[in-house]
């Protein structure tokens, strides 16, 4: 090679070297950006070597695994626990048994309503059907009297929505929301809803002093001012005639919703009051025939009332029994449920449940820390066999052993007074059946 060609060759080599360096830098910058977008640290160890890729992938997989894991479900066991329904992924706020006894509806903050089959309660598998609430979630749910629809109160929408249930050919159901929700009328958060079993009206109660009576088409028929400072609970009686409420006053107020012979709405009139507590009433409940009511107060007592009275003749309810429940005086949420035959009273404080025999006023069962959160709803099924509670992501069902014991006591009393052999035989069969049930549950008292 001639000396005259050497400078040209060296210049070309330098140019190629610069192009190679520029390409390497571009590739490096692209790799750094890719690392940053992928969420992995584009870093090097202190000794100048790149980090161990295997350790980085392990940490990434561990992080992904933590994100996918659900919150741990609260565990509870008891010899009288019949079942636990666990399909919800959010906390359950309300539940309702259908009037035909076939279904249990539950709503949760996971934007779903679950419909459970009661015949599966004692089975290993608990089937449920799901209805979705779009862009909202329900805090309250109630079945319609014909069990072909249910209503929910929407947390964000502050309104009622109706879902119709349509049976499919395969035996399942589809759930369709009506095109329009009820108009917004309440000025404070709604705490309770109810439907009369006559199908004539719907009740909603807010946390101020307002109770509204609606037609099934969403028209406000009447507004009730309870004058109880703040409402804490309201309900429609099982007979469909009465609406009752309690609040920061030591009484329960009951009104009758009156309709004409042709089914037209007439008026709402004051029926009677439950007076006798010395502090605010926290909750109350009706028996299945509306002839009994129970109440619990911050004065640390519960009371059972005979409400089968002629209130139009100024007759007041009779106080039948008073019992102690000191937990009601505390700050924890308090719930009350009365068995359909009024023989058993269930009281919940915080996450624990206490069962009382209403004839004797004695506590018979106690379930501690049933849920991981405070109990939000408490109810007996229409047969009185089970007591249901919810408060976290599960519904727990208990055998109503105090109810079976009450049947035993009642049948034994009737046997002593029976006058015919056929009556004794019938009573003896019921007595034996109740005793066998208690024996199978390990709850037969000697």
Protein backbone atom coordinates (compact mmCIF):
# COMPACT_ATOMS: atom_id res chain seq x y z
CA UNK A 1 0.00 0.00 0.00
CA UNK A 2 1.35 3.37 -0.94
CA UNK A 3 1.97 6.08 1.64
CA UNK A 4 -0.34 8.45 -0.24
CA UNK A 5 -3.30 6.13 0.47
CA UNK A 6 -2.65 5.84 4.24
CA UNK A 7 -4.45 9.08 5.32
CA UNK A 8 -7.56 8.13 3.39
CA UNK A 9 -7.58 4.66 4.97
CA UNK A 10 -7.17 6.10 8.50
CA UNK A 11 -9.95 8.62 7.97
CA UNK A 12 -12.31 5.88 6.81
CA UNK A 13 -11.45 3.76 9.89
CA UNK A 14 -12.15 6.65 12.26
CA UNK A 15 -15.48 7.32 10.56
CA UNK A 16 -16.55 3.69 10.87
CA UNK A 17 -15.51 3.66 14.52
CA UNK A 18 -17.62 6.74 15.27
CA UNK A 19 -20.65 5.19 13.53
CA UNK A 20 -20.22 2.01 15.60
CA UNK A 21 -20.08 4.01 18.84
CA UNK A 22 -23.20 5.96 17.90
CA UNK A 23 -25.09 2.73 17.12
CA UNK A 24 -24.03 1.21 20.44
CA UNK A 25 -25.21 4.31 22.34
CA UNK A 26 -28.58 4.26 20.53
CA UNK A 27 -29.08 0.60 21.40
CA UNK A 28 -28.19 1.31 25.04
CA UNK A 29 -30.66 4.20 25.25
CA UNK A 30 -33.40 2.02 23.78
CA UNK A 31 -32.64 -0.71 26.32
CA UNK A 32 -32.84 1.79 29.19
CA UNK A 33 -36.20 3.11 28.02
CA UNK A 34 -37.55 -0.44 27.67
CA UNK A 35 -36.38 -1.24 31.19
CA UNK A 36 -38.10 1.85 32.56
CA UNK A 37 -41.37 1.09 30.75
CA UNK A 38 -41.41 -2.50 32.00
CA UNK A 39 -41.16 -1.30 35.63
CA UNK A 40 -37.80 -3.02 36.25
CA UNK A 41 -34.93 -0.93 37.60
CA UNK A 42 -32.31 -0.27 34.93
CA UNK A 43 -29.40 -0.41 37.33
CA UNK A 44 -26.09 -2.10 37.87
CA UNK A 45 -24.51 -3.60 40.92
CA UNK A 46 -21.80 -1.71 42.78
CA UNK A 47 -19.13 -3.94 41.23
CA UNK A 48 -20.17 -2.83 37.76
CA UNK A 49 -21.83 -6.09 36.73
CA UNK A 50 -25.52 -6.16 35.68
CA UNK A 51 -28.01 -7.38 38.30
CA UNK A 52 -28.97 -11.01 38.53
CA UNK A 53 -31.95 -11.50 36.18
CA UNK A 54 -33.17 -14.56 38.09
CA UNK A 55 -33.52 -12.63 41.39
CA UNK A 56 -35.40 -9.82 39.62
CA UNK A 57 -37.88 -12.24 38.02
CA UNK A 58 -38.48 -13.92 41.38
CA UNK A 59 -39.33 -10.60 43.02
CA UNK A 60 -41.63 -9.70 40.14
CA UNK A 61 -43.49 -13.03 40.38
CA UNK A 62 -43.78 -12.64 44.16
CA UNK A 63 -45.23 -9.13 43.71
CA UNK A 64 -47.76 -10.40 41.16
CA UNK A 65 -48.73 -13.26 43.49
CA UNK A 66 -49.38 -10.83 46.37
CA UNK A 67 -51.58 -8.67 44.16
CA UNK A 68 -53.70 -11.65 43.08
CA UNK A 69 -54.26 -13.01 46.59
CA UNK A 70 -57.67 -12.11 48.09
CA UNK A 71 -58.10 -10.84 51.65
CA UNK A 72 -58.27 -13.73 54.08
CA UNK A 73 -61.81 -14.83 54.92
CA UNK A 74 -62.82 -14.79 58.59
CA UNK A 75 -63.02 -18.34 59.92
CA UNK A 76 -65.72 -19.38 62.36
CA UNK A 77 -66.76 -22.81 63.61
CA UNK A 78 -69.47 -23.91 66.01
CA UNK A 79 -71.41 -27.11 66.62
CA UNK A 80 -74.66 -25.32 65.73
CA UNK A 81 -73.33 -23.74 62.53
CA UNK A 82 -75.44 -25.22 59.72
CA UNK A 83 -73.79 -23.54 56.73
CA UNK A 84 -71.68 -20.63 55.50
CA UNK A 85 -72.53 -19.00 52.15
CA UNK A 86 -69.34 -17.52 50.65
CA UNK A 87 -69.76 -16.53 47.00
CA UNK A 88 -69.58 -12.75 47.53
CA UNK A 89 -66.22 -10.99 47.05
CA UNK A 90 -67.33 -7.91 49.02
CA UNK A 91 -68.91 -7.21 52.40
CA UNK A 92 -72.61 -8.13 52.63
CA UNK A 93 -74.87 -5.37 53.92
CA UNK A 94 -78.39 -6.84 53.75
CA UNK A 95 -80.35 -10.06 53.14
CA UNK A 96 -83.98 -11.09 52.74
CA UNK A 97 -85.86 -14.40 52.67
CA UNK A 98 -88.57 -14.78 50.04
CA UNK A 99 -92.16 -15.20 51.27
CA UNK A 100 -92.37 -18.71 49.77
CA UNK A 101 -89.29 -19.77 51.74
CA UNK A 102 -87.38 -20.93 48.66
CA UNK A 103 -84.78 -18.20 48.32
CA UNK A 104 -82.43 -15.91 50.23
CA UNK A 105 -81.29 -12.67 48.59
CA UNK A 106 -78.06 -10.96 49.64
CA UNK A 107 -76.42 -7.75 48.42
CA UNK A 108 -72.80 -6.65 48.84
CA UNK A 109 -70.42 -3.90 47.83
CA UNK A 110 -69.03 -6.13 45.05
CA UNK A 111 -71.83 -4.79 42.80
CA UNK A 112 -73.81 -8.04 42.88
CA UNK A 113 -76.98 -9.48 44.36
CA UNK A 114 -76.92 -13.21 45.07
CA UNK A 115 -80.04 -15.40 45.11
CA UNK A 116 -79.50 -18.59 47.13
CA UNK A 117 -81.63 -21.74 47.19
CA UNK A 118 -82.69 -22.53 50.77
CA UNK A 119 -82.99 -26.25 49.99
CA UNK A 120 -79.18 -26.32 49.58
CA UNK A 121 -78.45 -24.93 53.05
CA UNK A 122 -77.57 -28.33 54.51
CA UNK A 123 -75.73 -29.51 51.39
CA UNK A 124 -71.99 -29.28 50.77
CA UNK A 125 -72.51 -27.11 47.69
CA UNK A 126 -74.42 -23.84 48.01
CA UNK A 127 -75.70 -22.71 44.63
CA UNK A 128 -76.47 -19.08 43.92
CA UNK A 129 -77.58 -16.94 41.00
CA UNK A 130 -76.00 -13.54 40.42
CA UNK A 131 -77.54 -10.25 39.40
CA UNK A 132 -75.14 -7.42 38.53
CA UNK A 133 -75.63 -3.77 39.50
CA UNK A 134 -74.06 -1.60 36.83
CA UNK A 135 -71.84 1.31 37.97
CA UNK A 136 -73.16 1.10 41.54
CA UNK A 137 -73.83 -1.32 44.39
CA UNK A 138 -76.86 -2.14 46.53
CA UNK A 139 -77.00 -1.63 50.29
CA UNK A 140 -80.56 -2.96 50.86
CA UNK A 141 -82.55 -5.71 49.15
CA UNK A 142 -86.16 -6.94 49.49
CA UNK A 143 -88.17 -9.60 47.65
CA UNK A 144 -91.53 -8.78 46.14
CA UNK A 145 -94.52 -10.67 47.65
CA UNK A 146 -94.90 -12.87 44.54
CA UNK A 147 -91.15 -13.68 44.60
CA UNK A 148 -90.85 -12.70 40.92
CA UNK A 149 -88.90 -9.50 41.54
CA UNK A 150 -86.82 -7.69 44.12
CA UNK A 151 -85.94 -4.10 44.88
CA UNK A 152 -82.59 -2.67 45.91
CA UNK A 153 -81.43 0.66 47.27
CA UNK A 154 -78.45 1.98 45.32
CA UNK A 155 -75.57 3.40 47.37
CA UNK A 156 -74.36 5.99 44.86
CA UNK A 157 -77.60 6.59 43.00
CA UNK A 158 -79.61 7.20 46.20
CA UNK A 159 -82.67 5.59 44.65
CA UNK A 160 -84.70 2.39 44.37
CA UNK A 161 -84.22 0.02 41.46
CA UNK A 162 -86.50 -2.87 40.59
CA UNK A 163 -85.18 -6.16 39.16
CA UNK A 164 -87.55 -8.64 37.54
CA UNK A 165 -86.77 -12.36 37.70
CA UNK A 166 -87.51 -14.45 34.60
CA UNK A 167 -87.18 -18.22 34.65
CA UNK A 168 -85.23 -19.83 31.83
CA UNK A 169 -85.84 -23.20 30.20
CA UNK A 170 -82.84 -24.70 32.04
CA UNK A 171 -84.37 -23.80 35.42
CA UNK A 172 -82.16 -20.78 36.07
CA UNK A 173 -83.20 -17.14 36.16
CA UNK A 174 -82.33 -13.96 34.34
CA UNK A 175 -82.49 -10.61 36.13
CA UNK A 176 -83.58 -7.48 34.28
CA UNK A 177 -83.63 -3.99 35.78
CA UNK A 178 -86.63 -1.84 34.93
CA UNK A 179 -85.87 1.05 32.52
CA UNK A 180 -86.34 3.78 35.12
CA UNK A 181 -85.36 4.00 38.79
CA UNK A 182 -87.55 5.62 41.43
CA UNK A 183 -87.22 9.43 41.70
CA UNK A 184 -84.91 10.85 44.35
CA UNK A 185 -86.98 12.16 47.27
CA UNK A 186 -84.93 11.58 50.43
CA UNK A 187 -82.58 14.30 51.73
CA UNK A 188 -80.65 11.97 54.06
CA UNK A 189 -79.15 8.47 53.65
CA UNK A 190 -81.75 5.69 53.46
CA UNK A 191 -81.40 3.10 56.25
CA UNK A 192 -84.30 0.68 55.54
CA UNK A 193 -86.73 -0.38 52.82
CA UNK A 194 -89.70 -2.72 52.87
CA UNK A 195 -92.53 -4.06 50.69
CA UNK A 196 -96.02 -4.85 52.00
CA UNK A 197 -96.94 -8.49 51.41
CA UNK A 198 -100.22 -7.23 50.00
CA UNK A 199 -98.23 -5.69 47.16
CA UNK A 200 -99.85 -2.31 47.72
CA UNK A 201 -96.93 -0.15 48.82
CA UNK A 202 -93.20 0.21 49.40
CA UNK A 203 -91.63 1.90 52.42
CA UNK A 204 -88.30 3.74 52.59
CA UNK A 205 -86.86 5.35 55.73
CA UNK A 206 -83.93 7.77 55.92
CA UNK A 207 -81.64 8.64 58.80
CA UNK A 208 -83.42 11.92 59.50
CA UNK A 209 -87.09 11.74 60.59
CA UNK A 210 -88.58 10.83 57.21
CA UNK A 211 -90.46 7.70 56.14
CA UNK A 212 -91.93 7.61 52.63
CA UNK A 213 -94.79 5.42 51.42
CA UNK A 214 -94.57 4.66 47.67
CA UNK A 215 -96.80 3.04 45.10
CA UNK A 216 -95.19 0.20 43.17
CA UNK A 217 -94.84 2.56 40.19
CA UNK A 218 -92.65 5.03 42.08
CA UNK A 219 -95.23 7.60 43.17
CA UNK A 220 -94.97 8.98 46.71
CA UNK A 221 -98.30 8.30 48.44
CA UNK A 222 -97.48 9.76 51.85
CA UNK A 223 -94.65 11.28 53.90
CA UNK A 224 -94.37 10.40 57.60
CA UNK A 225 -92.45 12.60 60.04
CA UNK A 226 -91.50 10.29 62.90
CA UNK A 227 -90.33 13.09 65.25
CA UNK A 228 -87.73 10.68 66.64
CA UNK A 229 -84.77 13.06 66.09
CA UNK A 230 -83.05 10.45 63.92
CA UNK A 231 -84.46 7.18 62.61
CA UNK A 232 -82.35 4.11 63.38
CA UNK A 233 -84.64 1.36 62.06
CA UNK A 234 -87.94 1.00 60.19
CA UNK A 235 -89.94 -1.96 58.88
CA UNK A 236 -93.21 -3.05 57.29
CA UNK A 237 -95.19 -5.59 59.34
CA UNK A 238 -95.57 -9.11 57.86
CA UNK A 239 -99.34 -8.59 57.63
CA UNK A 240 -98.74 -5.62 55.32
CA UNK A 241 -100.90 -3.20 57.34
CA UNK A 242 -98.37 -1.40 59.49
CA UNK A 243 -95.16 0.60 59.21
CA UNK A 244 -93.05 1.09 62.35
CA UNK A 245 -89.93 3.05 63.22
CA UNK A 246 -87.58 3.75 66.12
CA UNK A 247 -84.90 6.35 66.76
CA UNK A 248 -83.39 8.50 69.50
CA UNK A 249 -86.57 8.31 71.59
CA UNK A 250 -87.56 5.57 74.11
CA UNK A 251 -90.47 4.25 72.04
CA UNK A 252 -91.45 2.47 68.82
CA UNK A 253 -94.09 4.24 66.73
CA UNK A 254 -96.49 2.24 64.55
CA UNK A 255 -98.74 3.57 61.76
CA UNK A 256 -101.41 1.87 59.66
CA UNK A 257 -101.33 2.39 55.89
CA UNK A 258 -105.01 2.42 54.86
CA UNK A 259 -106.45 1.47 51.47
CA UNK A 260 -110.03 1.44 50.19
CA UNK A 261 -112.08 -1.56 49.13
CA UNK A 262 -110.99 -1.06 45.53
CA UNK A 263 -107.31 -0.93 46.49
CA UNK A 264 -106.91 2.83 46.29
CA UNK A 265 -104.66 4.54 48.83
CA UNK A 266 -106.49 6.57 51.49
CA UNK A 267 -104.26 7.70 54.37
CA UNK A 268 -101.64 6.87 56.98
CA UNK A 269 -102.87 7.00 60.58
CA UNK A 270 -101.14 6.54 63.92
CA UNK A 271 -101.93 3.08 65.28
CA UNK A 272 -100.07 2.58 68.59
CA UNK A 273 -96.73 2.97 70.34
CA UNK A 274 -94.50 0.68 72.36
CA UNK A 275 -93.72 2.65 75.52
CA UNK A 276 -91.70 1.40 78.46
CA UNK A 277 -88.01 1.81 77.67
CA UNK A 278 -86.06 4.54 79.44
CA UNK A 279 -83.56 5.22 76.62
CA UNK A 280 -83.42 5.21 72.84
CA UNK A 281 -84.73 2.10 71.10
CA UNK A 282 -82.05 0.64 68.85
CA UNK A 283 -84.05 -1.99 66.95
CA UNK A 284 -87.33 -3.92 66.86
CA UNK A 285 -89.03 -6.77 64.98
CA UNK A 286 -92.45 -8.30 64.31
CA UNK A 287 -93.50 -11.92 64.65
CA UNK A 288 -94.77 -13.63 61.50
CA UNK A 289 -98.44 -12.95 62.32
CA UNK A 290 -97.73 -9.35 63.50
CA UNK A 291 -99.35 -10.17 66.87
CA UNK A 292 -96.05 -9.87 68.75
CA UNK A 293 -93.22 -7.35 68.66
CA UNK A 294 -89.83 -7.21 70.33
CA UNK A 295 -87.61 -4.20 71.00
CA UNK A 296 -84.14 -3.54 72.40
CA UNK A 297 -82.93 -0.28 73.95
CA UNK A 298 -79.86 1.56 75.14
CA UNK A 299 -81.24 1.12 78.66
CA UNK A 300 -79.80 -2.43 78.48
CA UNK A 301 -83.14 -4.25 78.21
CA UNK A 302 -85.21 -6.07 75.60
CA UNK A 303 -88.99 -6.31 75.73
CA UNK A 304 -91.63 -8.58 74.20
CA UNK A 305 -95.03 -7.06 73.45
CA UNK A 306 -98.54 -8.31 72.67
CA UNK A 307 -99.63 -6.09 69.78
CA UNK A 308 -102.87 -7.93 68.99
CA UNK A 309 -104.93 -5.04 70.33
CA UNK A 310 -107.87 -2.88 69.23
CA UNK A 311 -105.91 0.30 68.85
CA UNK A 312 -108.91 2.10 67.31
CA UNK A 313 -110.51 1.78 70.74
CA UNK A 314 -107.38 3.28 72.34
CA UNK A 315 -106.16 -0.10 73.56
CA UNK A 316 -102.38 -0.15 74.14
CA UNK A 317 -100.03 -3.09 73.55
CA UNK A 318 -99.35 -5.35 76.54
CA UNK A 319 -95.84 -5.86 77.88
CA UNK A 320 -95.26 -9.63 78.15
CA UNK A 321 -91.61 -9.96 79.11
CA UNK A 322 -88.52 -7.89 79.91
CA UNK A 323 -84.98 -9.25 79.74
CA UNK A 324 -81.47 -7.88 80.23
CA UNK A 325 -79.06 -7.20 77.37
CA UNK A 326 -76.33 -4.93 78.68
CA UNK A 327 -74.46 -4.94 75.36
CA UNK A 328 -77.21 -2.74 73.86
CA UNK A 329 -75.97 0.18 75.99
CA UNK A 330 -72.59 0.15 74.25
CA UNK A 331 -71.41 1.83 71.08
CA UNK A 332 -71.31 -1.32 68.92
CA UNK A 333 -74.07 -1.76 66.30
CA UNK A 334 -77.07 -3.66 67.66
CA UNK A 335 -79.47 -5.90 65.68
CA UNK A 336 -82.62 -7.78 66.67
CA UNK A 337 -84.56 -10.65 65.09
CA UNK A 338 -87.73 -12.39 66.36
CA UNK A 339 -88.53 -15.95 65.32
CA UNK A 340 -91.76 -16.40 63.29
CA UNK A 341 -93.57 -17.89 66.33
CA UNK A 342 -92.09 -15.27 68.72
CA UNK A 343 -90.58 -18.02 70.89
CA UNK A 344 -86.95 -16.98 70.32
CA UNK A 345 -85.27 -13.58 70.33
CA UNK A 346 -81.89 -13.10 68.62
CA UNK A 347 -79.77 -10.08 69.58
CA UNK A 348 -76.51 -9.12 67.89
CA UNK A 349 -73.96 -6.72 69.30
CA UNK A 350 -70.81 -6.09 67.31
CA UNK A 351 -69.90 -9.48 65.82
CA UNK A 352 -71.56 -11.71 68.47
CA UNK A 353 -75.09 -13.19 68.68
CA UNK A 354 -77.19 -14.06 71.75
CA UNK A 355 -80.37 -16.18 71.68
CA UNK A 356 -83.11 -15.87 74.33
CA UNK A 357 -86.18 -17.91 75.19
CA UNK A 358 -88.97 -15.31 75.27
CA UNK A 359 -91.19 -17.34 77.64
CA UNK A 360 -88.63 -17.50 80.41
CA UNK A 361 -86.45 -14.56 79.40
CA UNK A 362 -83.32 -16.72 79.67
CA UNK A 363 -80.29 -16.69 77.40
CA UNK A 364 -79.84 -20.13 75.82
CA UNK A 365 -77.09 -19.76 73.22
CA UNK A 366 -74.23 -17.36 72.50
CA UNK A 367 -72.05 -17.22 69.37
CA UNK A 368 -68.90 -15.11 69.76
CA UNK A 369 -67.02 -13.37 66.92
CA UNK A 370 -69.25 -14.82 64.23
CA UNK A 371 -67.98 -12.40 61.55
CA UNK A 372 -64.79 -10.46 60.90
CA UNK A 373 -66.82 -7.22 60.84
CA UNK A 374 -69.82 -5.97 62.82
CA UNK A 375 -73.04 -7.80 61.99
CA UNK A 376 -75.05 -5.82 59.43
CA UNK A 377 -78.22 -7.96 59.27
CA UNK A 378 -79.91 -10.69 61.30
CA UNK A 379 -82.96 -12.74 60.33
CA UNK A 380 -84.81 -16.02 60.91
CA UNK A 381 -86.00 -17.97 57.88
CA UNK A 382 -89.80 -18.27 57.55
CA UNK A 383 -89.83 -21.78 59.06
CA UNK A 384 -87.85 -20.73 62.14
CA UNK A 385 -85.36 -23.56 61.63
CA UNK A 386 -82.41 -21.29 60.91
CA UNK A 387 -81.01 -17.97 62.03
CA UNK A 388 -78.98 -16.11 59.39
CA UNK A 389 -76.41 -13.37 59.96
CA UNK A 390 -74.07 -11.38 57.73
CA UNK A 391 -71.31 -8.90 58.42
CA UNK A 392 -68.33 -9.67 56.19
CA UNK A 393 -68.24 -11.60 52.91
CA UNK A 394 -70.24 -14.56 54.22
CA UNK A 395 -73.72 -15.44 55.45
CA UNK A 396 -73.71 -17.81 58.41
CA UNK A 397 -76.69 -20.01 59.21
CA UNK A 398 -77.31 -21.46 62.68
CA UNK A 399 -79.66 -24.18 63.86
CA UNK A 400 -82.37 -22.60 66.01
CA UNK A 401 -82.02 -24.93 69.00
CA UNK A 402 -83.90 -22.61 71.41
CA UNK A 403 -86.84 -22.84 68.99
CA UNK A 404 -86.81 -26.64 69.13
CA UNK A 405 -86.59 -26.54 72.93
CA UNK A 406 -89.59 -24.19 73.00
CA UNK A 407 -91.55 -26.71 70.92
CA UNK A 408 -90.62 -29.46 73.38
CA UNK A 409 -91.86 -27.38 76.32
CA UNK A 410 -95.04 -26.42 74.49
CA UNK A 411 -95.86 -30.01 73.45
CA UNK A 412 -95.21 -31.30 76.97
CA UNK A 413 -97.66 -28.74 78.33
CA UNK A 414 -100.29 -29.61 75.72
CA UNK A 415 -99.88 -33.35 76.45
CA UNK A 416 -100.79 -32.83 80.09
CA UNK A 417 -104.01 -31.10 79.05
CA UNK A 418 -104.90 -33.34 76.09
CA UNK A 419 -108.37 -34.88 76.40
CA UNK A 420 -108.39 -37.42 73.54
CA UNK A 421 -106.08 -40.20 72.40
CA UNK A 422 -105.81 -38.82 68.87
CA UNK A 423 -104.69 -35.44 70.22
CA UNK A 424 -102.13 -37.09 72.49
CA UNK A 425 -100.78 -39.13 69.59
CA UNK A 426 -100.39 -36.06 67.37
CA UNK A 427 -98.70 -34.06 70.14
CA UNK A 428 -96.42 -36.97 70.98
CA UNK A 429 -95.24 -37.15 67.37
CA UNK A 430 -94.32 -33.46 67.35
CA UNK A 431 -92.61 -33.82 70.72
CA UNK A 432 -90.57 -36.81 69.58
CA UNK A 433 -89.55 -35.06 66.37
CA UNK A 434 -88.33 -31.98 68.25
CA UNK A 435 -86.44 -34.13 70.76
CA UNK A 436 -84.76 -36.11 67.96
CA UNK A 437 -83.69 -32.89 66.25
CA UNK A 438 -82.14 -31.56 69.45
CA UNK A 439 -80.45 -34.91 70.06
CA UNK A 440 -78.91 -34.91 66.58
CA UNK A 441 -77.53 -31.42 67.24
CA UNK A 442 -76.18 -32.39 70.63
CA UNK A 443 -78.43 -29.76 72.24
CA UNK A 444 -80.94 -31.88 74.15
CA UNK A 445 -81.02 -30.69 77.76
CA UNK A 446 -81.48 -33.30 80.45
